[in-house]
């Protein structure tokens, strides 16, 4: 498919972005959502193969939907992290590292032993300590923590489990 055909395909199917926004109940006044939808439309136009015998809309809607869902999920994570940052004595998040103050841990747990165990875990495995803190003290979901650290949800679960196991073994 040449550039002019692709451009014509995109121009003729911009309504698919708005259709998908409406299906997902996202405001059509949200310029960021429209941009992500258009990104999906561009991907669909670039990868569409006429020879397979499908209509373009059949191929494009799932691609657009996936881009919009990624946008929505990212917005939820950023919203939750922004809320956490605006609350006093909660975690402060930088672009990829979560740091929680000692006062926060002590306040949430009230146990000096847990506080001490987290410090020991941090020396052995800092990432596991951060994940345990985010999971249990900030109540973030595995998928949210995975997004922060750039890991899969399953890998976050494994690291969390190993961190807790380390704390159990060394608490005795």
Protein backbone atom coordinates (compact mmCIF):
# COMPACT_ATOMS: atom_id res chain seq x y z
CA UNK A 1 0.00 0.00 0.00
CA UNK A 2 1.46 3.33 -1.02
CA UNK A 3 1.41 6.50 1.06
CA UNK A 4 -1.54 8.12 -0.71
CA UNK A 5 -3.69 4.99 -0.27
CA UNK A 6 -2.75 4.81 3.40
CA UNK A 7 -3.54 8.50 3.93
CA UNK A 8 -6.90 8.08 2.21
CA UNK A 9 -7.65 5.03 4.37
CA UNK A 10 -6.87 7.02 7.52
CA UNK A 11 -8.92 10.04 6.40
CA UNK A 12 -11.91 7.84 5.53
CA UNK A 13 -11.83 6.02 8.88
CA UNK A 14 -11.23 8.72 11.48
CA UNK A 15 -14.78 8.07 12.68
CA UNK A 16 -13.58 4.68 13.97
CA UNK A 17 -11.56 6.50 16.64
CA UNK A 18 -14.67 8.35 17.84
CA UNK A 19 -16.74 5.17 17.63
CA UNK A 20 -14.24 3.33 19.83
CA UNK A 21 -14.03 6.25 22.28
CA UNK A 22 -17.82 6.10 22.59
CA UNK A 23 -17.76 2.32 23.15
CA UNK A 24 -15.21 2.74 25.95
CA UNK A 25 -17.19 5.66 27.41
CA UNK A 26 -14.29 8.10 27.08
CA UNK A 27 -15.06 11.76 26.45
CA UNK A 28 -14.58 12.81 22.84
CA UNK A 29 -13.39 16.17 24.21
CA UNK A 30 -10.30 14.47 25.64
CA UNK A 31 -7.52 15.38 23.20
CA UNK A 32 -5.07 12.88 24.70
CA UNK A 33 -7.51 10.04 24.22
CA UNK A 34 -8.09 11.12 20.61
CA UNK A 35 -4.32 11.17 20.06
CA UNK A 36 -3.96 7.62 21.37
CA UNK A 37 -6.89 6.53 19.22
CA UNK A 38 -5.30 8.13 16.17
CA UNK A 39 -2.04 6.33 17.01
CA UNK A 40 -4.02 3.08 16.87
CA UNK A 41 -5.58 4.07 13.57
CA UNK A 42 -2.13 4.81 12.11
CA UNK A 43 -0.79 1.45 13.30
CA UNK A 44 -3.79 -0.30 11.80
CA UNK A 45 -3.37 1.50 8.47
CA UNK A 46 0.33 0.65 8.30
CA UNK A 47 -0.19 -3.05 9.06
CA UNK A 48 -3.45 -3.65 7.17
CA UNK A 49 -3.29 -6.28 4.45
CA UNK A 50 -6.10 -6.12 1.86
CA UNK A 51 -5.25 -9.55 0.51
CA UNK A 52 -6.60 -11.25 3.64
CA UNK A 53 -10.13 -10.31 2.63
CA UNK A 54 -11.17 -8.41 5.77
CA UNK A 55 -12.72 -4.97 5.96
CA UNK A 56 -10.38 -2.31 7.32
CA UNK A 57 -12.79 -1.46 10.14
CA UNK A 58 -12.79 -5.07 11.35
CA UNK A 59 -9.02 -4.92 11.64
CA UNK A 60 -8.69 -1.34 12.92
CA UNK A 61 -11.19 -1.25 15.80
CA UNK A 62 -9.31 -3.76 18.03
CA UNK A 63 -6.01 -1.96 17.36
CA UNK A 64 -7.54 1.40 18.25
CA UNK A 65 -9.22 -0.11 21.30
CA UNK A 66 -5.91 -1.53 22.57
CA UNK A 67 -4.21 1.85 22.26
CA UNK A 68 -7.08 3.53 24.11
CA UNK A 69 -7.11 0.91 26.86
CA UNK A 70 -3.37 1.43 27.33
CA UNK A 71 -4.05 5.18 27.64
CA UNK A 72 -6.85 4.62 30.16
CA UNK A 73 -4.75 2.26 32.29
CA UNK A 74 -1.83 4.67 32.28
CA UNK A 75 -4.16 7.47 33.34
CA UNK A 76 -5.48 5.43 36.25
CA UNK A 77 -1.99 4.61 37.46
CA UNK A 78 -0.85 8.22 37.21
CA UNK A 79 -4.02 9.34 38.99
CA UNK A 80 -3.48 6.88 41.84
CA UNK A 81 0.17 7.83 42.19
CA UNK A 82 -0.65 11.54 42.11
CA UNK A 83 -3.24 11.01 44.85
CA UNK A 84 -0.69 9.12 46.93
CA UNK A 85 1.90 11.87 46.46
CA UNK A 86 -0.55 14.59 47.52
CA UNK A 87 -1.39 12.89 50.80
CA UNK A 88 0.82 13.73 53.77
CA UNK A 89 3.25 11.06 54.98
CA UNK A 90 2.82 8.76 52.01
CA UNK A 91 5.17 7.56 49.36
CA UNK A 92 6.99 9.86 47.01
CA UNK A 93 7.48 8.40 43.56
CA UNK A 94 10.10 9.40 41.08
CA UNK A 95 10.02 8.18 37.50
CA UNK A 96 10.85 4.59 38.41
CA UNK A 97 11.87 4.32 42.07
CA UNK A 98 9.52 4.30 45.03
CA UNK A 99 10.86 5.70 48.27
CA UNK A 100 8.76 5.49 51.39
CA UNK A 101 9.88 7.25 54.54
CA UNK A 102 10.60 5.35 57.73
CA UNK A 103 7.81 7.26 59.48
CA UNK A 104 5.29 5.96 56.97
CA UNK A 105 6.28 2.34 57.56
CA UNK A 106 6.23 2.78 61.35
CA UNK A 107 2.90 4.61 61.23
CA UNK A 108 1.21 1.99 59.08
CA UNK A 109 2.50 -1.04 60.90
CA UNK A 110 3.33 0.31 64.34
CA UNK A 111 5.81 -2.53 64.66
CA UNK A 112 9.47 -1.74 65.15
CA UNK A 113 10.33 -5.32 64.12
CA UNK A 114 8.64 -4.98 60.71
CA UNK A 115 10.40 -1.66 60.25
CA UNK A 116 13.75 -3.29 61.05
CA UNK A 117 13.07 -6.26 58.75
CA UNK A 118 12.27 -3.95 55.82
CA UNK A 119 15.57 -2.14 56.35
CA UNK A 120 17.42 -5.47 56.34
CA UNK A 121 15.55 -6.58 53.22
CA UNK A 122 16.43 -3.28 51.56
CA UNK A 123 20.14 -4.01 52.09
CA UNK A 124 19.78 -7.47 50.56
CA UNK A 125 17.25 -6.69 47.81
CA UNK A 126 16.20 -3.03 47.48
CA UNK A 127 13.70 -3.69 44.70
CA UNK A 128 11.90 -6.37 46.75
CA UNK A 129 11.69 -4.00 49.71
CA UNK A 130 10.20 -1.26 47.52
CA UNK A 131 7.66 -3.67 46.03
CA UNK A 132 6.63 -4.98 49.47
CA UNK A 133 6.20 -1.41 50.70
CA UNK A 134 4.12 -0.36 47.68
CA UNK A 135 2.00 -3.51 47.84
CA UNK A 136 1.16 -3.49 51.53
CA UNK A 137 1.60 0.06 52.76
CA UNK A 138 0.36 1.96 49.72
CA UNK A 139 -2.15 -0.72 48.64
CA UNK A 140 -1.12 -0.59 44.98
CA UNK A 141 -2.18 -3.42 42.69
CA UNK A 142 0.39 -5.76 41.15
CA UNK A 143 -0.33 -4.34 37.69
CA UNK A 144 0.28 -0.78 38.95
CA UNK A 145 3.59 -1.77 40.55
CA UNK A 146 4.55 -3.63 37.36
CA UNK A 147 3.96 -0.43 35.38
CA UNK A 148 6.16 1.57 37.78
CA UNK A 149 9.07 -0.85 37.60
CA UNK A 150 8.64 -1.88 33.97
CA UNK A 151 8.11 -5.54 34.88
CA UNK A 152 5.35 -8.04 34.25
CA UNK A 153 2.66 -8.51 36.86
CA UNK A 154 3.83 -12.08 37.41
CA UNK A 155 7.42 -10.98 38.04
CA UNK A 156 6.23 -8.41 40.59
CA UNK A 157 4.24 -11.16 42.32
CA UNK A 158 7.35 -13.37 42.45
CA UNK A 159 9.55 -10.58 43.84
CA UNK A 160 6.90 -9.68 46.42
CA UNK A 161 6.59 -13.33 47.47
CA UNK A 162 10.37 -13.76 47.79
CA UNK A 163 10.63 -10.54 49.80
CA UNK A 164 7.93 -11.65 52.21
CA UNK A 165 9.47 -15.12 52.47
CA UNK A 166 12.86 -13.57 53.25
CA UNK A 167 11.22 -11.49 55.98
CA UNK A 168 9.46 -14.58 57.45
CA UNK A 169 12.64 -16.67 57.50
CA UNK A 170 14.75 -13.92 59.04
CA UNK A 171 12.12 -12.89 61.58
CA UNK A 172 12.52 -16.16 63.45
